Structures are given as structure tokens and as C-alpha cells.
Amino acid sequence: MSTRLEPVEVGAPPGRLSEWVIAPVRFNGFLGLSTTRNECVISPEFSCFGHQWRLQIFPGGEEGSEDGYVAMYLQNRTEEAIEVKSNFIVKHPNGGEDVSDGWVNIVKFSPKGALGYDFARRSKLIDYLVDGTLIVEVHMRTNK
């Protein structure tokens, strides 16, 4: 006869996710931002799920970026890890197709950690500016 122990959970168990929380981040004067590779612009902090966050963009791409791409990173500024699903969305100013990308699954943000990738071609994002401003919606959700 054997004895079965309770399951041991590693990471957050799959379950119901919270509703999406949307933080619009406005990069005013986007055309005037440096397009030198590895130079970034960092948003002020915003709060979501009890954590402080910043959006970091590299208008000229970061070190590993494809030429012509804008890289975006979401930074967890809190001293505690968190697992979230997030997307970056730039809405078309005239109702056309949005530019959108994100993680398919929930990802773990380390304390004071950042995750990101090449988001879109800079030449494409220029067509999405609103009065010279790039508006990036950061969509986030987490396990309840």
C-alpha cells in the first residue's frame, strides 16, 4: 500500500486571471528622441498589482535589435517577483489595425527585473503618432 502526498506546487498554479489593467504611456516628441542604438527613454513609474513599473523604450533599438526596430522593456521596480501576462499595444490613430505584441504565457518578472523585445519598426510607429506622441498601452493581468 502506498501513501499519496499532497501535490507540491512550483510557481503559480494555472487559474483564473485577473481582468486586463491598461496603463497608457505617452512618449511625447517621439520623432525627437535619439535613434542611437542602446539609448533609451524611461517612463515615470506607474502602479499595477501592488508593484511599481516603468516602460523603457529604445527608439533606435537596443544592442541585439534588428536594424530599424524600436525595442520595449517592461520593468518591475518592486523588490518582489511577480508573474504577469502583458502586451504592448499602439492604437492606430484613424481606427486602422493596431500594432500589438506580447508574451503568450504568463512570465515571471524578477525583483527589479525587466523583460522586453523588438516591438515594431520605427518607420511604422511614426504613422501611429498622435500630435507627435507615441502612445503605448501596457496591458497587464495576473493570477487572482
Protein backbone atom coordinates (compact mmCIF):
# COMPACT_ATOMS: atom_id res chain seq x y z
CA MET A 1 0.00 0.00 0.00
CA SER A 2 1.27 3.50 -0.81
CA THR A 3 0.54 6.91 0.62
CA ARG A 4 -0.09 9.78 -1.74
CA LEU A 5 1.18 13.19 -0.61
CA GLU A 6 -0.45 16.49 -1.44
CA PRO A 7 0.79 17.99 -4.73
CA VAL A 8 3.83 20.23 -4.48
CA GLU A 9 3.29 23.42 -6.49
CA VAL A 10 6.17 25.02 -8.38
CA GLY A 11 5.33 28.55 -9.49
CA ALA A 12 1.82 29.95 -9.58
CA PRO A 13 -0.74 27.29 -10.44
CA PRO A 14 -2.76 27.95 -13.56
CA GLY A 15 -6.02 29.51 -12.75
CA ARG A 16 -8.27 32.38 -13.39
CA LEU A 17 -6.54 35.52 -14.50
CA SER A 18 -7.47 39.00 -13.38
CA GLU A 19 -9.12 41.40 -15.77
CA TRP A 20 -6.77 43.34 -18.02
CA VAL A 21 -5.37 46.51 -16.50
CA ILE A 22 -4.31 49.11 -19.05
CA ALA A 23 -1.66 51.78 -18.45
CA PRO A 24 -1.34 54.27 -21.34
CA VAL A 25 2.23 55.61 -21.50
CA ARG A 26 2.81 58.69 -23.65
CA PHE A 27 6.20 59.36 -25.21
CA ASN A 28 5.80 62.99 -26.28
CA GLY A 29 8.02 64.28 -29.08
CA PHE A 30 8.82 60.76 -30.27
CA LEU A 31 10.43 61.97 -33.51
CA GLY A 32 12.94 63.98 -31.49
CA LEU A 33 14.09 61.03 -29.37
CA SER A 34 17.56 59.68 -30.04
CA THR A 35 17.76 56.85 -32.54
CA THR A 36 21.24 55.85 -31.38
CA ARG A 37 21.35 52.13 -30.63
CA ASN A 38 21.22 51.34 -26.88
CA GLU A 39 19.96 54.80 -25.86
CA CYS A 40 16.68 54.55 -24.02
CA VAL A 41 13.89 56.68 -22.66
CA ILE A 42 12.24 55.54 -19.43
CA SER A 43 8.72 56.44 -18.34
CA PRO A 44 7.87 57.58 -14.83
CA GLU A 45 6.73 54.76 -12.53
CA PHE A 46 3.12 53.59 -12.50
CA SER A 47 1.42 51.15 -10.14
CA CYS A 48 -0.27 47.87 -11.02
CA PHE A 49 -0.98 44.76 -8.87
CA GLY A 50 0.83 46.32 -5.90
CA HIS A 51 4.05 46.73 -7.90
CA GLN A 52 5.76 49.74 -9.41
CA TRP A 53 6.50 49.55 -13.14
CA ARG A 54 8.26 51.57 -15.83
CA LEU A 55 8.21 51.26 -19.60
CA GLN A 56 11.60 51.59 -21.23
CA ILE A 57 11.89 52.20 -24.98
CA PHE A 58 14.90 52.20 -27.24
CA PRO A 59 13.82 54.33 -30.27
CA GLY A 60 16.94 53.21 -32.18
CA GLY A 61 16.86 49.67 -30.87
CA GLU A 62 18.95 48.02 -28.22
CA GLU A 63 22.17 46.08 -28.63
CA GLY A 64 20.58 42.93 -30.10
CA SER A 65 17.80 44.64 -32.08
CA GLU A 66 17.22 44.28 -35.78
CA ASP A 67 18.07 47.48 -37.65
CA GLY A 68 15.19 49.94 -37.70
CA TYR A 69 13.29 48.40 -34.78
CA VAL A 70 12.14 50.05 -31.57
CA ALA A 71 12.71 47.83 -28.53
CA MET A 72 10.45 47.99 -25.48
CA TYR A 73 11.02 46.66 -21.97
CA LEU A 74 8.67 46.47 -19.03
CA GLN A 75 10.49 46.91 -15.72
CA ASN A 76 9.30 45.64 -12.35
CA ARG A 77 10.65 48.29 -9.95
CA THR A 78 9.50 46.47 -6.80
CA GLU A 79 11.71 44.30 -4.56
CA GLU A 80 9.38 41.33 -5.08
CA ALA A 81 8.91 38.99 -8.04
CA ILE A 82 5.56 38.77 -9.81
CA GLU A 83 4.09 36.69 -12.62
CA VAL A 84 2.10 38.62 -15.21
CA LYS A 85 0.90 38.38 -18.78
CA SER A 86 1.41 41.60 -20.67
CA ASN A 87 1.06 43.13 -24.10
CA PHE A 88 2.17 46.39 -25.65
CA ILE A 89 -0.41 47.96 -27.97
CA VAL A 90 -0.12 51.09 -30.10
CA LYS A 91 -3.54 52.03 -31.45
CA HIS A 92 -3.93 53.30 -35.00
CA PRO A 93 -4.98 56.96 -34.77
CA ASN A 94 -7.61 56.56 -37.53
CA GLY A 95 -9.10 53.23 -36.45
CA GLY A 96 -6.88 51.04 -38.63
CA GLU A 97 -5.02 47.94 -37.50
CA ASP A 98 -3.20 48.32 -34.16
CA VAL A 99 0.43 47.36 -33.59
CA SER A 100 0.44 44.75 -30.83
CA ASP A 101 2.84 42.25 -29.32
CA GLY A 102 3.27 40.50 -26.00
CA TRP A 103 4.03 37.31 -24.17
CA VAL A 104 1.82 34.34 -24.98
CA ASN A 105 2.09 32.96 -21.45
CA ILE A 106 2.46 34.43 -18.01
CA VAL A 107 6.09 35.39 -17.39
CA LYS A 108 7.94 35.94 -14.15
CA PHE A 109 9.42 39.36 -13.52
CA SER A 110 12.28 39.18 -11.03
CA PRO A 111 12.61 41.81 -8.31
CA LYS A 112 13.86 44.97 -10.06
CA GLY A 113 13.88 42.93 -13.30
CA ALA A 114 12.92 43.83 -16.86
CA LEU A 115 11.73 41.85 -19.87
CA GLY A 116 11.35 43.07 -23.42
CA TYR A 117 11.94 42.62 -27.12
CA ASP A 118 11.94 44.33 -30.51
CA PHE A 119 8.42 45.69 -30.77
CA ALA A 120 8.00 47.20 -34.24
CA ARG A 121 9.78 49.08 -36.99
CA ARG A 122 10.29 52.73 -36.10
CA SER A 123 9.12 53.72 -39.60
CA LYS A 124 5.78 52.00 -38.92
CA LEU A 125 5.32 53.55 -35.47
CA ILE A 126 5.81 57.03 -36.93
CA ASP A 127 2.49 56.54 -38.77
CA TYR A 128 0.80 55.91 -35.39
CA LEU A 129 1.85 59.15 -33.68
CA VAL A 130 -0.86 61.39 -32.25
CA ASP A 131 0.31 65.01 -32.40
CA GLY A 132 3.90 63.75 -32.30
CA THR A 133 3.25 61.46 -29.34
CA LEU A 134 3.73 57.69 -29.30
CA ILE A 135 1.05 56.25 -27.01
CA VAL A 136 1.88 52.74 -25.81
CA GLU A 137 -0.83 50.91 -23.90
CA VAL A 138 0.69 48.45 -21.45
CA HIS A 139 -1.93 45.71 -20.88
CA MET A 140 -1.31 43.51 -17.83
CA ARG A 141 -3.06 40.71 -15.99
CA THR A 142 -2.05 38.22 -13.30
CA ASN A 143 -3.37 35.20 -11.45
CA LYS A 144 -6.13 36.02 -8.99
